Amino acid sequence: MDTRIQFRIDEETKRLAQLMAESQGRTLSEACRELTVGLAEEQRKSMTHDLWLTEQINAAFDKFDSGKANFTEHDEAKAQMETRKMKIRNRAKT
């Protein structure tokens, strides 16, 4: 089911927006609809990412709680990261 959105803007803003929309071959309503659909899609992506992140965090805590977590010391993690970066840089050069 479609729904209707109404909002108020001043006449000059509406006139200029209509001119811009028309110059792009669409109506102001179409432009507003596209903006709204785009905003909704961004929100969907954000919510999907938030859900994924929550699942990852919960899995990490479950692993920690079960005693199956492996911890890497800071200096070792830095060294591993530098090794990975060097491999990537070397691939980019070839």
N, C-alpha and C. Protein backbone atom coordinates (compact mmCIF):
# COMPACT_ATOMS: atom_id res chain seq x y z
N MET A 1 0.84 -1.18 0.00
CA MET A 1 0.00 0.00 0.00
C MET A 1 0.88 1.24 0.00
N ASP A 2 0.58 2.16 -0.88
CA ASP A 2 1.33 3.42 -0.93
C ASP A 2 0.82 4.38 0.13
N THR A 3 1.69 5.24 0.55
CA THR A 3 1.32 6.25 1.53
C THR A 3 1.68 7.63 0.99
N ARG A 4 1.11 8.63 1.55
CA ARG A 4 1.31 10.00 1.08
C ARG A 4 2.14 10.75 2.11
N ILE A 5 3.12 11.50 1.64
CA ILE A 5 3.94 12.34 2.50
C ILE A 5 3.69 13.79 2.11
N GLN A 6 3.41 14.62 3.08
CA GLN A 6 3.21 16.04 2.83
C GLN A 6 4.14 16.84 3.72
N PHE A 7 4.68 17.92 3.17
CA PHE A 7 5.48 18.83 3.97
C PHE A 7 5.37 20.22 3.36
N ARG A 8 5.73 21.21 4.13
CA ARG A 8 5.59 22.59 3.69
C ARG A 8 6.95 23.21 3.42
N ILE A 9 7.03 23.92 2.31
CA ILE A 9 8.21 24.71 1.96
C ILE A 9 7.72 26.02 1.38
N ASP A 10 8.60 27.01 1.33
CA ASP A 10 8.16 28.28 0.76
C ASP A 10 8.05 28.18 -0.76
N GLU A 11 7.29 29.10 -1.34
CA GLU A 11 6.99 29.06 -2.78
C GLU A 11 8.25 29.14 -3.64
N GLU A 12 9.21 29.97 -3.24
CA GLU A 12 10.43 30.12 -4.05
C GLU A 12 11.23 28.82 -4.08
N THR A 13 11.31 28.15 -2.96
CA THR A 13 12.01 26.87 -2.90
C THR A 13 11.32 25.85 -3.79
N LYS A 14 10.00 25.82 -3.73
CA LYS A 14 9.24 24.89 -4.57
C LYS A 14 9.45 25.20 -6.04
N ARG A 15 9.40 26.48 -6.41
CA ARG A 15 9.58 26.88 -7.80
C ARG A 15 10.95 26.46 -8.32
N LEU A 16 11.98 26.74 -7.54
CA LEU A 16 13.33 26.39 -7.97
C LEU A 16 13.52 24.87 -8.05
N ALA A 17 12.96 24.16 -7.10
CA ALA A 17 13.06 22.70 -7.12
C ALA A 17 12.33 22.13 -8.33
N GLN A 18 11.17 22.68 -8.66
CA GLN A 18 10.44 22.22 -9.83
C GLN A 18 11.24 22.48 -11.10
N LEU A 19 11.86 23.64 -11.20
CA LEU A 19 12.68 23.95 -12.36
C LEU A 19 13.83 22.94 -12.50
N MET A 20 14.48 22.63 -11.39
CA MET A 20 15.60 21.68 -11.45
C MET A 20 15.10 20.30 -11.84
N ALA A 21 14.01 19.86 -11.25
CA ALA A 21 13.46 18.54 -11.57
C ALA A 21 13.07 18.48 -13.04
N GLU A 22 12.42 19.51 -13.53
CA GLU A 22 12.01 19.54 -14.93
C GLU A 22 13.21 19.52 -15.86
N SER A 23 14.28 20.20 -15.47
CA SER A 23 15.48 20.21 -16.31
C SER A 23 16.11 18.82 -16.40
N GLN A 24 15.76 17.96 -15.45
CA GLN A 24 16.26 16.58 -15.44
C GLN A 24 15.23 15.61 -16.01
N GLY A 25 14.13 16.16 -16.54
CA GLY A 25 13.11 15.34 -17.17
C GLY A 25 12.24 14.57 -16.20
N ARG A 26 12.02 15.12 -15.02
CA ARG A 26 11.16 14.47 -14.04
C ARG A 26 10.36 15.52 -13.28
N THR A 27 9.35 15.07 -12.59
CA THR A 27 8.54 15.99 -11.81
C THR A 27 9.14 16.14 -10.42
N LEU A 28 8.69 17.15 -9.71
CA LEU A 28 9.15 17.36 -8.35
C LEU A 28 8.73 16.17 -7.47
N SER A 29 7.53 15.66 -7.71
CA SER A 29 7.08 14.49 -6.96
C SER A 29 7.99 13.29 -7.20
N GLU A 30 8.39 13.08 -8.45
CA GLU A 30 9.30 11.98 -8.76
C GLU A 30 10.65 12.16 -8.06
N ALA A 31 11.15 13.40 -8.07
CA ALA A 31 12.43 13.68 -7.42
C ALA A 31 12.32 13.43 -5.91
N CYS A 32 11.24 13.87 -5.30
CA CYS A 32 11.04 13.63 -3.86
C CYS A 32 10.90 12.14 -3.57
N ARG A 33 10.19 11.43 -4.44
CA ARG A 33 10.03 9.98 -4.27
C ARG A 33 11.39 9.29 -4.35
N GLU A 34 12.19 9.67 -5.34
CA GLU A 34 13.52 9.06 -5.51
C GLU A 34 14.40 9.33 -4.29
N LEU A 35 14.32 10.54 -3.77
CA LEU A 35 15.09 10.88 -2.57
C LEU A 35 14.64 10.02 -1.39
N THR A 36 13.35 9.89 -1.22
CA THR A 36 12.81 9.11 -0.11
C THR A 36 13.18 7.63 -0.24
N VAL A 37 13.08 7.10 -1.44
CA VAL A 37 13.46 5.70 -1.67
C VAL A 37 14.95 5.51 -1.39
N GLY A 38 15.76 6.48 -1.81
CA GLY A 38 17.20 6.41 -1.55
C GLY A 38 17.52 6.44 -0.07
N LEU A 39 16.82 7.31 0.66
CA LEU A 39 17.02 7.37 2.11
C LEU A 39 16.64 6.06 2.77
N ALA A 40 15.53 5.48 2.33
CA ALA A 40 15.08 4.20 2.88
C ALA A 40 16.11 3.10 2.60
N GLU A 41 16.69 3.10 1.40
CA GLU A 41 17.69 2.10 1.05
C GLU A 41 18.94 2.26 1.91
N GLU A 42 19.35 3.49 2.14
CA GLU A 42 20.50 3.73 3.03
C GLU A 42 20.21 3.21 4.43
N GLN A 43 18.99 3.42 4.91
CA GLN A 43 18.61 2.93 6.23
C GLN A 43 18.61 1.41 6.28
N ARG A 44 18.13 0.78 5.20
CA ARG A 44 18.14 -0.69 5.14
C ARG A 44 19.57 -1.22 5.23
N LYS A 45 20.47 -0.60 4.48
CA LYS A 45 21.88 -1.01 4.51
C LYS A 45 22.47 -0.82 5.90
N SER A 46 22.15 0.29 6.52
CA SER A 46 22.66 0.57 7.87
C SER A 46 22.14 -0.47 8.86
N MET A 47 20.85 -0.78 8.76
CA MET A 47 20.27 -1.76 9.68
C MET A 47 20.85 -3.15 9.44
N THR A 48 21.07 -3.51 8.18
CA THR A 48 21.67 -4.80 7.85
C THR A 48 23.08 -4.88 8.42
N HIS A 49 23.83 -3.80 8.24
CA HIS A 49 25.20 -3.79 8.77
C HIS A 49 25.19 -3.86 10.29
N ASP A 50 24.30 -3.12 10.93
CA ASP A 50 24.20 -3.16 12.39
C ASP A 50 23.88 -4.56 12.88
N LEU A 51 22.98 -5.24 12.19
CA LEU A 51 22.63 -6.61 12.56
C LEU A 51 23.84 -7.53 12.41
N TRP A 52 24.54 -7.42 11.28
CA TRP A 52 25.74 -8.22 11.04
C TRP A 52 26.77 -7.96 12.13
N LEU A 53 27.00 -6.68 12.45
CA LEU A 53 27.99 -6.33 13.46
C LEU A 53 27.61 -6.90 14.83
N THR A 54 26.34 -6.80 15.19
CA THR A 54 25.86 -7.36 16.46
C THR A 54 26.11 -8.86 16.50
N GLU A 55 25.83 -9.55 15.39
CA GLU A 55 26.07 -10.99 15.32
C GLU A 55 27.55 -11.32 15.49
N GLN A 56 28.42 -10.52 14.88
CA GLN A 56 29.86 -10.74 15.00
C GLN A 56 30.33 -10.54 16.44
N ILE A 57 29.82 -9.49 17.07
CA ILE A 57 30.20 -9.20 18.46
C ILE A 57 29.71 -10.31 19.38
N ASN A 58 28.47 -10.73 19.19
CA ASN A 58 27.92 -11.81 20.02
C ASN A 58 28.71 -13.10 19.83
N ALA A 59 29.10 -13.40 18.60
CA ALA A 59 29.89 -14.61 18.33
C ALA A 59 31.25 -14.52 19.04
N ALA A 60 31.85 -13.33 19.02
CA ALA A 60 33.14 -13.16 19.69
C ALA A 60 33.00 -13.35 21.20
N PHE A 61 31.94 -12.81 21.79
CA PHE A 61 31.72 -13.00 23.23
C PHE A 61 31.41 -14.46 23.56
N ASP A 62 30.65 -15.12 22.69
CA ASP A 62 30.37 -16.55 22.90
C ASP A 62 31.67 -17.36 22.88
N LYS A 63 32.53 -17.02 21.95
CA LYS A 63 33.81 -17.71 21.84
C LYS A 63 34.65 -17.44 23.09
N PHE A 64 34.64 -16.19 23.56
CA PHE A 64 35.38 -15.85 24.78
C PHE A 64 34.81 -16.59 25.98
N ASP A 65 33.48 -16.56 26.10
CA ASP A 65 32.82 -17.21 27.25
C ASP A 65 33.07 -18.71 27.28
N SER A 66 33.21 -19.33 26.11
CA SER A 66 33.43 -20.78 26.05
C SER A 66 34.90 -21.15 26.23
N GLY A 67 35.77 -20.14 26.33
CA GLY A 67 37.19 -20.40 26.52
C GLY A 67 37.92 -20.75 25.24
N LYS A 68 37.29 -20.54 24.09
CA LYS A 68 37.90 -20.90 22.80
C LYS A 68 38.58 -19.73 22.11
N ALA A 69 38.61 -18.59 22.78
CA ALA A 69 39.20 -17.40 22.17
C ALA A 69 40.72 -17.47 22.25
N ASN A 70 41.39 -17.04 21.20
CA ASN A 70 42.84 -16.92 21.18
C ASN A 70 43.20 -15.45 21.17
N PHE A 71 44.07 -15.05 22.05
CA PHE A 71 44.46 -13.64 22.13
C PHE A 71 45.86 -13.46 21.57
N THR A 72 46.04 -12.37 20.85
CA THR A 72 47.33 -12.04 20.28
C THR A 72 47.82 -10.77 20.95
N GLU A 73 49.06 -10.80 21.42
CA GLU A 73 49.65 -9.62 22.05
C GLU A 73 49.75 -8.48 21.03
N HIS A 74 49.72 -7.28 21.52
CA HIS A 74 49.71 -6.09 20.67
C HIS A 74 50.88 -6.08 19.68
N ASP A 75 52.10 -6.32 20.20
CA ASP A 75 53.28 -6.27 19.32
C ASP A 75 53.22 -7.34 18.23
N GLU A 76 52.72 -8.52 18.58
CA GLU A 76 52.58 -9.59 17.60
C GLU A 76 51.52 -9.24 16.55
N ALA A 77 50.41 -8.64 17.00
CA ALA A 77 49.36 -8.23 16.07
C ALA A 77 49.89 -7.17 15.10
N LYS A 78 50.67 -6.22 15.62
CA LYS A 78 51.26 -5.19 14.75
C LYS A 78 52.19 -5.82 13.71
N ALA A 79 52.98 -6.77 14.14
CA ALA A 79 53.91 -7.44 13.23
C ALA A 79 53.16 -8.21 12.15
N GLN A 80 52.10 -8.92 12.55
CA GLN A 80 51.29 -9.65 11.57
C GLN A 80 50.66 -8.69 10.57
N MET A 81 50.18 -7.56 11.06
CA MET A 81 49.55 -6.58 10.18
C MET A 81 50.57 -6.00 9.20
N GLU A 82 51.76 -5.71 9.66
CA GLU A 82 52.80 -5.18 8.77
C GLU A 82 53.16 -6.20 7.69
N THR A 83 53.22 -7.47 8.06
CA THR A 83 53.50 -8.52 7.09
C THR A 83 52.40 -8.56 6.02
N ARG A 84 51.16 -8.48 6.44
CA ARG A 84 50.04 -8.49 5.48
C ARG A 84 50.10 -7.28 4.57
N LYS A 85 50.39 -6.12 5.14
CA LYS A 85 50.47 -4.89 4.33
C LYS A 85 51.58 -5.00 3.28
N MET A 86 52.71 -5.54 3.68
CA MET A 86 53.82 -5.69 2.75
C MET A 86 53.45 -6.62 1.59
N LYS A 87 52.75 -7.71 1.90
CA LYS A 87 52.31 -8.63 0.85
C LYS A 87 51.39 -7.92 -0.15
N ILE A 88 50.49 -7.10 0.38
CA ILE A 88 49.55 -6.36 -0.48
C ILE A 88 50.30 -5.35 -1.33
N ARG A 89 51.23 -4.63 -0.69
CA ARG A 89 52.02 -3.62 -1.44
C ARG A 89 52.86 -4.30 -2.54
N ASN A 90 53.43 -5.44 -2.23
CA ASN A 90 54.25 -6.15 -3.21
C ASN A 90 53.41 -6.66 -4.38
N ARG A 91 52.16 -7.07 -4.12
CA ARG A 91 51.26 -7.50 -5.20
C ARG A 91 50.91 -6.34 -6.10
N ALA A 92 50.74 -5.16 -5.50
CA ALA A 92 50.35 -3.98 -6.27
C ALA A 92 51.48 -3.53 -7.20
N LYS A 93 52.71 -3.80 -6.82
CA LYS A 93 53.86 -3.38 -7.62
C LYS A 93 54.06 -4.28 -8.84
N THR A 94 53.61 -5.52 -8.75
CA THR A 94 53.85 -6.45 -9.86
C THR A 94 52.72 -6.44 -10.85
